[in-house]
Amino acid sequence: MNEAKPNEAKPDVKIMLDRERVLRFDLNAMCEFETTTGQDLFDGGFPGTKMTFVIMRFMLWACLLDEDPTITLKQVGRLIGIWNMNYVTSRLSLAYEVAIPKQPEGKSARPLPGEEVPVEEGSTG
């Protein structure tokens, strides 16, 4: 029987800001992002949404909270400038892709809470 091991693969992406930091776009980050912005990431929130300065700052903040739970939005805003916006956006996009991989054509993105999770053919568990 193959059992998934907790924390076996963490969705971490390194980013160089004031120092090397780690973006973790886990469930906590997704919830912080959704709570503060009102955008549901499973409903075209990102990368389907237009990347505004506000969204970029909130997303970076949410992804840095695991590494630094005391970091503020204002501190995060100081880490982003015209000089690195493209880089920050590309690293946030990568963190999103690592955390929420695209589904093959014809498959639904993710089951909603309470929905039955389909079992792959040949899998045990």
C-alpha atoms as a PDB file:
ATOM      1  CA  MET A   1       0.000   0.000   0.000  1.00  0.00           C
ATOM      2  CA  ASN A   2       1.458   3.347  -1.032  1.00  0.00           C
ATOM      3  CA  GLU A   3       0.796   5.985   1.572  1.00  0.00           C
ATOM      4  CA  ALA A   4       1.592   9.639   1.012  1.00  0.00           C
ATOM      5  CA  LYS A   5       4.008  10.975   3.544  1.00  0.00           C
ATOM      6  CA  PRO A   6       3.182  14.371   5.077  1.00  0.00           C
ATOM      7  CA  ASN A   7       5.442  17.200   3.917  1.00  0.00           C
ATOM      8  CA  GLU A   8       7.162  14.872   1.438  1.00  0.00           C
ATOM      9  CA  ALA A   9       7.132  17.523  -1.274  1.00  0.00           C
ATOM     10  CA  LYS A  10       6.770  21.131  -0.212  1.00  0.00           C
ATOM     11  CA  PRO A  11       5.878  23.720  -2.839  1.00  0.00           C
ATOM     12  CA  ASP A  12       8.929  25.904  -2.163  1.00  0.00           C
ATOM     13  CA  VAL A  13      10.397  28.386  -4.628  1.00  0.00           C
ATOM     14  CA  LYS A  14      13.510  30.398  -3.824  1.00  0.00           C
ATOM     15  CA  ILE A  15      13.507  34.130  -4.512  1.00  0.00           C
ATOM     16  CA  MET A  16      16.234  36.722  -4.089  1.00  0.00           C
ATOM     17  CA  LEU A  17      14.882  39.889  -2.494  1.00  0.00           C
ATOM     18  CA  ASP A  18      16.676  41.665   0.349  1.00  0.00           C
ATOM     19  CA  ARG A  19      18.200  38.196   0.892  1.00  0.00           C
ATOM     20  CA  GLU A  20      17.392  34.743  -0.374  1.00  0.00           C
ATOM     21  CA  ARG A  21      13.910  33.863   0.776  1.00  0.00           C
ATOM     22  CA  VAL A  22      11.515  30.970   0.211  1.00  0.00           C
ATOM     23  CA  LEU A  23       8.058  31.327  -1.277  1.00  0.00           C
ATOM     24  CA  ARG A  24       5.654  28.688  -0.018  1.00  0.00           C
ATOM     25  CA  PHE A  25       2.272  28.756  -1.662  1.00  0.00           C
ATOM     26  CA  ASP A  26       0.633  26.230   0.630  1.00  0.00           C
ATOM     27  CA  LEU A  27      -2.937  26.110   1.948  1.00  0.00           C
ATOM     28  CA  ASN A  28      -2.144  28.682   4.635  1.00  0.00           C
ATOM     29  CA  ALA A  29      -0.833  31.118   2.025  1.00  0.00           C
ATOM     30  CA  MET A  30      -3.858  30.504  -0.203  1.00  0.00           C
ATOM     31  CA  CYS A  31      -6.223  31.146   2.713  1.00  0.00           C
ATOM     32  CA  GLU A  32      -4.385  34.329   3.748  1.00  0.00           C
ATOM     33  CA  PHE A  33      -4.503  35.546   0.157  1.00  0.00           C
ATOM     34  CA  GLU A  34      -8.200  34.744  -0.234  1.00  0.00           C
ATOM     35  CA  THR A  35      -9.139  36.220   3.153  1.00  0.00           C
ATOM     36  CA  THR A  36      -7.321  39.492   2.527  1.00  0.00           C
ATOM     37  CA  THR A  37      -8.184  39.953  -1.162  1.00  0.00           C
ATOM     38  CA  GLY A  38     -11.497  38.134  -1.493  1.00  0.00           C
ATOM     39  CA  GLN A  39     -10.163  36.343  -4.590  1.00  0.00           C
ATOM     40  CA  ASP A  40     -10.611  32.597  -4.905  1.00  0.00           C
ATOM     41  CA  LEU A  41      -7.523  31.111  -6.513  1.00  0.00           C
ATOM     42  CA  PHE A  42      -9.485  28.095  -7.779  1.00  0.00           C
ATOM     43  CA  ASP A  43     -11.880  30.383  -9.613  1.00  0.00           C
ATOM     44  CA  GLY A  44      -9.425  32.034 -11.978  1.00  0.00           C
ATOM     45  CA  GLY A  45      -7.876  34.156  -9.203  1.00  0.00           C
ATOM     46  CA  PHE A  46      -4.266  33.744 -10.295  1.00  0.00           C
ATOM     47  CA  PRO A  47      -2.762  33.641 -12.814  1.00  0.00           C
ATOM     48  CA  GLY A  48      -6.096  34.358 -14.505  1.00  0.00           C
ATOM     49  CA  THR A  49      -6.430  37.676 -12.718  1.00  0.00           C
ATOM     50  CA  LYS A  50      -4.733  40.858 -13.830  1.00  0.00           C
ATOM     51  CA  MET A  51      -1.553  41.220 -11.779  1.00  0.00           C
ATOM     52  CA  THR A  52      -1.910  44.573 -10.059  1.00  0.00           C
ATOM     53  CA  PHE A  53       0.498  46.115  -7.567  1.00  0.00           C
ATOM     54  CA  VAL A  54      -1.939  45.264  -4.767  1.00  0.00           C
ATOM     55  CA  ILE A  55      -2.315  41.619  -5.843  1.00  0.00           C
ATOM     56  CA  MET A  56       1.453  41.232  -6.265  1.00  0.00           C
ATOM     57  CA  ARG A  57       2.122  42.581  -2.779  1.00  0.00           C
ATOM     58  CA  PHE A  58      -0.583  40.423  -1.153  1.00  0.00           C
ATOM     59  CA  MET A  59       0.577  37.296  -2.969  1.00  0.00           C
ATOM     60  CA  LEU A  60       4.228  37.848  -2.079  1.00  0.00           C
ATOM     61  CA  TRP A  61       3.252  38.540   1.541  1.00  0.00           C
ATOM     62  CA  ALA A  62       1.124  35.387   1.766  1.00  0.00           C
ATOM     63  CA  CYS A  63       3.917  33.256   0.275  1.00  0.00           C
ATOM     64  CA  LEU A  64       6.515  34.663   2.704  1.00  0.00           C
ATOM     65  CA  LEU A  65       4.440  34.146   5.866  1.00  0.00           C
ATOM     66  CA  ASP A  66       5.609  30.570   6.382  1.00  0.00           C
ATOM     67  CA  GLU A  67       9.241  31.723   6.477  1.00  0.00           C
ATOM     68  CA  ASP A  68       8.565  34.948   8.391  1.00  0.00           C
ATOM     69  CA  PRO A  69       5.181  35.013  10.198  1.00  0.00           C
ATOM     70  CA  THR A  70       5.779  38.596  11.419  1.00  0.00           C
ATOM     71  CA  ILE A  71       6.422  40.155   7.993  1.00  0.00           C
ATOM     72  CA  THR A  72       4.031  42.999   7.209  1.00  0.00           C
ATOM     73  CA  LEU A  73       2.538  44.166   3.935  1.00  0.00           C
ATOM     74  CA  LYS A  74       4.537  47.371   4.242  1.00  0.00           C
ATOM     75  CA  GLN A  75       7.787  45.412   4.631  1.00  0.00           C
ATOM     76  CA  VAL A  76       6.873  43.287   1.621  1.00  0.00           C
ATOM     77  CA  GLY A  77       6.137  46.421  -0.387  1.00  0.00           C
ATOM     78  CA  ARG A  78       9.691  47.601   0.254  1.00  0.00           C
ATOM     79  CA  LEU A  79      11.018  44.408  -1.345  1.00  0.00           C
ATOM     80  CA  ILE A  80       9.317  45.127  -4.683  1.00  0.00           C
ATOM     81  CA  GLY A  81      10.219  47.931  -7.059  1.00  0.00           C
ATOM     82  CA  ILE A  82      10.255  48.711 -10.744  1.00  0.00           C
ATOM     83  CA  TRP A  83      13.693  47.058 -10.910  1.00  0.00           C
ATOM     84  CA  ASN A  84      12.404  43.593  -9.922  1.00  0.00           C
ATOM     85  CA  MET A  85       8.664  43.442 -10.692  1.00  0.00           C
ATOM     86  CA  ASN A  86       9.051  41.093 -13.647  1.00  0.00           C
ATOM     87  CA  TYR A  87      11.306  38.815 -11.602  1.00  0.00           C
ATOM     88  CA  VAL A  88       8.932  38.798  -8.600  1.00  0.00           C
ATOM     89  CA  THR A  89       5.951  38.103 -10.858  1.00  0.00           C
ATOM     90  CA  SER A  90       7.763  35.208 -12.542  1.00  0.00           C
ATOM     91  CA  ARG A  91       8.727  33.673  -9.169  1.00  0.00           C
ATOM     92  CA  LEU A  92       5.149  34.042  -7.868  1.00  0.00           C
ATOM     93  CA  SER A  93       3.855  32.381 -11.046  1.00  0.00           C
ATOM     94  CA  LEU A  94       6.294  29.520 -10.521  1.00  0.00           C
ATOM     95  CA  ALA A  95       5.239  29.146  -6.865  1.00  0.00           C
ATOM     96  CA  TYR A  96       1.612  28.969  -8.011  1.00  0.00           C
ATOM     97  CA  GLU A  97       2.406  26.378 -10.705  1.00  0.00           C
ATOM     98  CA  VAL A  98       4.371  24.225  -8.249  1.00  0.00           C
ATOM     99  CA  ALA A  99       1.568  24.347  -5.687  1.00  0.00           C
ATOM    100  CA  ILE A 100      -1.345  23.967  -8.105  1.00  0.00           C
ATOM    101  CA  PRO A 101      -0.227  22.053 -11.208  1.00  0.00           C
ATOM    102  CA  LYS A 102      -2.341  22.321 -14.350  1.00  0.00           C
ATOM    103  CA  GLN A 103      -4.699  19.430 -14.965  1.00  0.00           C
ATOM    104  CA  PRO A 104      -4.680  17.495 -18.228  1.00  0.00           C
ATOM    105  CA  GLU A 105      -7.318  18.494 -20.795  1.00  0.00           C
ATOM    106  CA  GLY A 106     -10.750  17.172 -19.938  1.00  0.00           C
ATOM    107  CA  LYS A 107     -10.091  16.838 -16.192  1.00  0.00           C
ATOM    108  CA  SER A 108     -11.600  19.241 -13.714  1.00  0.00           C
ATOM    109  CA  ALA A 109      -9.192  21.487 -11.859  1.00  0.00           C
ATOM    110  CA  ARG A 110      -9.901  20.484  -8.275  1.00  0.00           C
ATOM    111  CA  PRO A 111     -12.845  18.993  -6.435  1.00  0.00           C
ATOM    112  CA  LEU A 112     -14.674  21.478  -4.286  1.00  0.00           C
ATOM    113  CA  PRO A 113     -14.904  20.920  -0.522  1.00  0.00           C
ATOM    114  CA  GLY A 114     -17.377  18.101   0.088  1.00  0.00           C
ATOM    115  CA  GLU A 115     -17.067  16.680  -3.434  1.00  0.00           C
ATOM    116  CA  GLU A 116     -15.929  13.115  -3.922  1.00  0.00           C
ATOM    117  CA  VAL A 117     -12.287  12.822  -4.958  1.00  0.00           C
ATOM    118  CA  PRO A 118     -11.921  10.492  -7.955  1.00  0.00           C
ATOM    119  CA  VAL A 119      -9.490   7.588  -7.576  1.00  0.00           C
ATOM    120  CA  GLU A 120      -7.040   7.006 -10.426  1.00  0.00           C
ATOM    121  CA  GLU A 121      -7.275   3.601 -12.092  1.00  0.00           C
ATOM    122  CA  GLY A 122      -4.711   1.201 -10.682  1.00  0.00           C
ATOM    123  CA  SER A 123      -4.120   3.233  -7.537  1.00  0.00           C
ATOM    124  CA  THR A 124      -4.567   1.737  -4.128  1.00  0.00           C
ATOM    125  CA  GLY A 125      -5.697   3.439  -1.000  1.00  0.00           C
END
